[in-house]
């Protein structure tokens, strides 16, 4: 079994800055993140929201080690990412992080089951054998038991995304990052996928961080981080839809909302 590092916040950022372009060379410099301080709780479903250009995808990419901050620090599952070279960072992502994207990114020649266990096979046969009970639990939570022998072309979009989620969960990652996971799905399939992400948190103890621009999607989350102009405007705990809409509209933040 692939074990996660020490407990604590699933991910933390301190003074996180990401700038694209160089002031001494480029006429236009983009400040995607401006000194973000943030703790993402373990064992909860967190949505990251904000208007286009607010920095939400950049934040996720920095937290996931897919992009390098200009300044500040990122700690994931007890490990500071800046201390890892490219090889170590790649290995850390493979063993401790799961990813779900708008595009399903399934290998078309493999069955659903083969796609799900692929990250484990990269660790060797022992990892596959030791994770079998967990993979079975994931398959059942996601309702994929009768689809395991089907290839992606034989599955609906919602089913393909569920396979992608199962693949992300297979290694028991410290955190699953989901970037607009319902972007290619209709409303029915979106609700289904979001419900399964929520179940993975409630029933499997998973930590999920999802970037989305949809209020309906964010309403499934336990916590919602709202970004504006590269900074955290609010961190909402168990918000209802009305509070989400008010915060996104720039109205004063009400009680039960923690502003960071």
Protein backbone atom coordinates (compact mmCIF):
# COMPACT_ATOMS: atom_id res chain seq x y z
CA UNK A 1 0.00 0.00 0.00
CA UNK A 2 1.22 3.51 -0.78
CA UNK A 3 1.26 5.46 2.47
CA UNK A 4 0.81 9.20 2.76
CA UNK A 5 3.17 11.55 4.62
CA UNK A 6 2.46 12.99 8.05
CA UNK A 7 -0.99 14.29 9.00
CA UNK A 8 -1.93 17.97 9.20
CA UNK A 9 -3.48 20.35 6.68
CA UNK A 10 -3.80 18.65 3.31
CA UNK A 11 -2.06 21.60 1.69
CA UNK A 12 -0.81 25.00 2.82
CA UNK A 13 0.42 28.11 1.06
CA UNK A 14 2.35 30.95 2.68
CA UNK A 15 3.03 34.22 0.89
CA UNK A 16 2.35 32.50 -2.43
CA UNK A 17 3.15 34.68 -5.43
CA UNK A 18 3.00 33.72 -9.10
CA UNK A 19 3.97 36.28 -11.70
CA UNK A 20 4.14 35.67 -15.43
CA UNK A 21 6.56 37.84 -17.38
CA UNK A 22 9.51 39.93 -16.21
CA UNK A 23 9.14 43.61 -15.36
CA UNK A 24 12.53 44.38 -16.90
CA UNK A 25 11.68 42.72 -20.22
CA UNK A 26 7.92 42.53 -20.76
CA UNK A 27 5.49 45.37 -21.27
CA UNK A 28 2.73 43.32 -19.63
CA UNK A 29 3.32 41.43 -16.39
CA UNK A 30 0.54 39.23 -15.05
CA UNK A 31 0.25 38.89 -11.27
CA UNK A 32 -1.74 35.66 -11.05
CA UNK A 33 -1.29 35.19 -7.29
CA UNK A 34 -0.54 37.99 -4.83
CA UNK A 35 0.72 36.69 -1.49
CA UNK A 36 -1.81 33.92 -0.83
CA UNK A 37 -1.93 32.43 2.67
CA UNK A 38 -4.17 29.39 2.84
CA UNK A 39 -4.70 26.11 4.71
CA UNK A 40 -6.80 23.41 3.07
CA UNK A 41 -8.26 20.98 5.63
CA UNK A 42 -7.72 17.25 5.52
CA UNK A 43 -10.71 14.99 4.93
CA UNK A 44 -12.94 17.67 3.45
CA UNK A 45 -14.22 18.71 0.03
CA UNK A 46 -12.95 22.20 -0.83
CA UNK A 47 -14.01 24.17 -3.88
CA UNK A 48 -11.91 27.03 -5.25
CA UNK A 49 -13.96 29.68 -7.04
CA UNK A 50 -13.52 33.08 -8.61
CA UNK A 51 -14.03 34.95 -11.88
CA UNK A 52 -11.90 34.30 -14.93
CA UNK A 53 -8.37 35.52 -14.25
CA UNK A 54 -8.76 35.41 -10.47
CA UNK A 55 -5.92 32.89 -10.12
CA UNK A 56 -7.87 29.77 -9.15
CA UNK A 57 -6.25 27.41 -11.68
CA UNK A 58 -2.82 28.90 -10.99
CA UNK A 59 -3.35 28.28 -7.28
CA UNK A 60 -4.25 24.65 -7.91
CA UNK A 61 -1.26 24.15 -10.21
CA UNK A 62 1.12 25.59 -7.62
CA UNK A 63 -0.38 23.51 -4.81
CA UNK A 64 -0.13 20.39 -6.97
CA UNK A 65 3.47 21.01 -7.98
CA UNK A 66 2.52 21.50 -11.62
CA UNK A 67 3.73 25.11 -11.60
CA UNK A 68 6.56 26.80 -9.72
CA UNK A 69 5.73 29.82 -7.54
CA UNK A 70 7.62 33.05 -8.05
CA UNK A 71 7.78 33.47 -4.28
CA UNK A 72 6.36 31.90 -1.14
CA UNK A 73 6.06 28.29 -0.07
CA UNK A 74 3.75 25.35 -0.68
CA UNK A 75 3.47 22.39 1.69
CA UNK A 76 1.44 19.32 0.71
CA UNK A 77 0.88 16.39 3.08
CA UNK A 78 3.70 17.63 5.28
CA UNK A 79 6.24 18.08 2.48
CA UNK A 80 7.48 21.45 1.29
CA UNK A 81 7.54 21.20 -2.49
CA UNK A 82 10.38 23.68 -2.97
CA UNK A 83 12.75 21.14 -1.42
CA UNK A 84 12.10 18.54 -4.14
CA UNK A 85 14.02 18.30 -7.41
CA UNK A 86 12.19 17.40 -10.63
CA UNK A 87 12.59 13.64 -10.15
CA UNK A 88 11.50 13.70 -6.52
CA UNK A 89 8.57 15.99 -7.32
CA UNK A 90 7.37 13.68 -10.08
CA UNK A 91 7.55 10.70 -7.72
CA UNK A 92 5.79 12.66 -4.96
CA UNK A 93 2.91 13.59 -7.28
CA UNK A 94 2.57 10.03 -8.49
CA UNK A 95 2.47 8.54 -5.01
CA UNK A 96 0.63 11.17 -3.02
CA UNK A 97 -1.55 13.23 -5.35
CA UNK A 98 -4.51 12.36 -7.55
CA UNK A 99 -5.71 14.40 -10.51
CA UNK A 100 -9.07 14.72 -12.25
CA UNK A 101 -9.36 17.07 -15.21
CA UNK A 102 -12.08 18.34 -17.52
CA UNK A 103 -10.75 15.96 -20.18
CA UNK A 104 -11.01 12.41 -18.90
CA UNK A 105 -7.50 11.43 -20.10
CA UNK A 106 -8.27 7.70 -20.16
CA UNK A 107 -6.20 5.36 -22.31
CA UNK A 108 -8.58 4.16 -25.03
CA UNK A 109 -7.01 0.73 -25.47
CA UNK A 110 -7.44 -0.18 -21.80
CA UNK A 111 -10.56 -1.29 -19.98
CA UNK A 112 -12.00 0.78 -17.16
CA UNK A 113 -10.38 -1.53 -14.61
CA UNK A 114 -7.00 -1.31 -16.33
CA UNK A 115 -7.21 2.48 -16.39
CA UNK A 116 -8.07 2.55 -12.68
CA UNK A 117 -5.13 0.41 -11.55
CA UNK A 118 -2.59 1.95 -13.92
CA UNK A 119 -1.04 4.28 -11.29
CA UNK A 120 -0.60 1.30 -8.97
CA UNK A 121 1.05 -0.77 -11.67
CA UNK A 122 3.68 1.93 -12.01
CA UNK A 123 4.61 1.06 -8.41
CA UNK A 124 4.77 -2.67 -9.11
CA UNK A 125 2.65 -5.79 -8.60
CA UNK A 126 2.92 -5.63 -4.82
CA UNK A 127 1.24 -2.20 -4.80
CA UNK A 128 -1.61 -3.54 -6.94
CA UNK A 129 -2.13 -6.53 -4.65
CA UNK A 130 -1.98 -4.51 -1.44
CA UNK A 131 -4.45 -1.93 -2.75
CA UNK A 132 -7.02 -4.45 -4.03
CA UNK A 133 -9.47 -4.03 -1.13
CA UNK A 134 -9.27 -0.24 -1.40
CA UNK A 135 -9.76 -0.30 -5.18
CA UNK A 136 -12.79 -2.56 -4.72
CA UNK A 137 -14.24 -0.07 -2.23
CA UNK A 138 -13.63 2.82 -4.63
CA UNK A 139 -15.27 0.93 -7.49
CA UNK A 140 -18.33 0.26 -5.37
CA UNK A 141 -18.61 3.83 -4.10
CA UNK A 142 -18.43 5.10 -7.68
CA UNK A 143 -20.88 2.52 -8.99
CA UNK A 144 -18.50 1.07 -11.59
CA UNK A 145 -18.68 -2.63 -10.78
CA UNK A 146 -20.61 -3.51 -13.97
CA UNK A 147 -18.44 -1.28 -16.19
CA UNK A 148 -14.96 -2.57 -15.36
CA UNK A 149 -14.52 -4.55 -18.59
CA UNK A 150 -15.71 -1.73 -20.83
CA UNK A 151 -13.32 0.50 -22.75
CA UNK A 152 -13.73 4.31 -22.64
CA UNK A 153 -15.50 4.39 -26.02
CA UNK A 154 -18.19 2.13 -24.54
CA UNK A 155 -18.86 4.46 -21.60
CA UNK A 156 -20.87 7.67 -21.28
CA UNK A 157 -19.11 10.91 -20.38
CA UNK A 158 -20.23 10.65 -16.78
CA UNK A 159 -19.02 7.06 -16.55
CA UNK A 160 -15.65 8.01 -18.04
CA UNK A 161 -15.24 10.75 -15.47
CA UNK A 162 -16.11 8.29 -12.70
CA UNK A 163 -13.35 6.01 -14.00
CA UNK A 164 -10.97 8.98 -13.96
CA UNK A 165 -11.97 9.70 -10.35
CA UNK A 166 -11.45 6.05 -9.40
CA UNK A 167 -8.00 6.14 -10.98
CA UNK A 168 -7.18 9.28 -8.96
CA UNK A 169 -8.36 7.57 -5.75
CA UNK A 170 -6.66 4.22 -6.34
CA UNK A 171 -3.36 5.12 -4.66
CA UNK A 172 -5.08 6.60 -1.59
CA UNK A 173 -3.58 10.00 -2.34
CA UNK A 174 -3.17 12.62 0.34
CA UNK A 175 -5.21 14.95 -1.83
CA UNK A 176 -7.15 14.81 -5.10
CA UNK A 177 -7.06 17.92 -7.27
CA UNK A 178 -10.02 18.26 -9.64
CA UNK A 179 -9.88 21.01 -12.28
CA UNK A 180 -13.36 21.77 -13.66
CA UNK A 181 -14.25 18.04 -13.52
CA UNK A 182 -17.81 18.60 -14.80
CA UNK A 183 -16.89 20.95 -17.62
CA UNK A 184 -17.59 18.38 -20.35
CA UNK A 185 -20.72 16.90 -18.76
CA UNK A 186 -24.43 17.67 -18.93
CA UNK A 187 -26.30 18.67 -15.79
CA UNK A 188 -27.39 15.13 -14.91
CA UNK A 189 -23.92 13.63 -15.30
CA UNK A 190 -22.40 16.61 -13.47
CA UNK A 191 -24.62 16.07 -10.44
CA UNK A 192 -23.75 12.38 -10.48
CA UNK A 193 -19.99 13.00 -10.60
CA UNK A 194 -20.12 15.67 -7.90
CA UNK A 195 -22.16 13.37 -5.72
CA UNK A 196 -19.50 10.68 -6.09
CA UNK A 197 -16.72 13.13 -5.23
CA UNK A 198 -18.66 14.03 -2.10
CA UNK A 199 -19.11 10.35 -1.24
CA UNK A 200 -15.37 9.75 -1.64
CA UNK A 201 -14.83 12.35 1.10
CA UNK A 202 -17.61 11.11 3.38
CA UNK A 203 -17.16 7.36 2.93
CA UNK A 204 -13.48 6.95 2.03
CA UNK A 205 -12.02 9.83 4.04
CA UNK A 206 -10.54 11.41 0.94
CA UNK A 207 -9.45 15.06 0.67
CA UNK A 208 -10.65 16.77 -2.52
CA UNK A 209 -9.82 20.24 -3.84
CA UNK A 210 -11.88 21.25 -6.87
CA UNK A 211 -11.53 24.31 -9.08
CA UNK A 212 -14.87 25.37 -10.53
CA UNK A 213 -16.69 28.46 -11.79
CA UNK A 214 -20.12 26.89 -11.21
CA UNK A 215 -22.08 27.77 -8.08
CA UNK A 216 -24.06 24.54 -8.40
CA UNK A 217 -20.83 22.53 -8.31
CA UNK A 218 -19.35 24.47 -5.39
CA UNK A 219 -22.53 23.85 -3.38
CA UNK A 220 -21.46 20.19 -3.03
CA UNK A 221 -18.31 21.24 -1.14
CA UNK A 222 -17.71 21.50 2.60
CA UNK A 223 -15.54 24.60 2.19
CA UNK A 224 -15.29 27.20 -0.57
CA UNK A 225 -12.26 29.41 -1.15
CA UNK A 226 -13.14 32.52 -3.17
CA UNK A 227 -10.35 34.27 -5.08
CA UNK A 228 -10.34 37.75 -6.58
CA UNK A 229 -7.40 39.43 -8.35
CA UNK A 230 -4.98 36.75 -7.21
CA UNK A 231 -5.86 36.95 -3.52
CA UNK A 232 -8.16 35.01 -1.19
CA UNK A 233 -11.27 37.11 -0.66
CA UNK A 234 -13.06 34.64 1.62
CA UNK A 235 -12.94 31.11 2.97
CA UNK A 236 -16.50 29.90 3.48
CA UNK A 237 -17.30 26.98 5.76
CA UNK A 238 -20.37 24.88 4.88
CA UNK A 239 -21.92 27.68 2.78
CA UNK A 240 -25.37 27.56 1.26
CA UNK A 241 -26.04 28.63 -2.31
CA UNK A 242 -27.27 32.09 -1.28
CA UNK A 243 -24.08 32.84 0.62
CA UNK A 244 -21.99 31.67 -2.33
CA UNK A 245 -23.84 33.96 -4.72
CA UNK A 246 -23.51 36.92 -2.35
CA UNK A 247 -19.79 36.41 -1.92
CA UNK A 248 -19.12 35.99 -5.63
CA UNK A 249 -21.10 39.17 -6.27
CA UNK A 250 -18.78 41.06 -3.96
CA UNK A 251 -21.35 41.68 -1.23
CA UNK A 252 -20.25 41.93 2.41
CA UNK A 253 -19.23 38.58 3.86
CA UNK A 254 -21.70 37.38 6.48
CA UNK A 255 -21.22 35.27 9.61
CA UNK A 256 -19.97 31.69 9.34
CA UNK A 257 -17.48 32.90 6.75
CA UNK A 258 -13.81 33.09 7.60
CA UNK A 259 -11.98 35.80 5.66
CA UNK A 260 -8.29 35.14 5.18
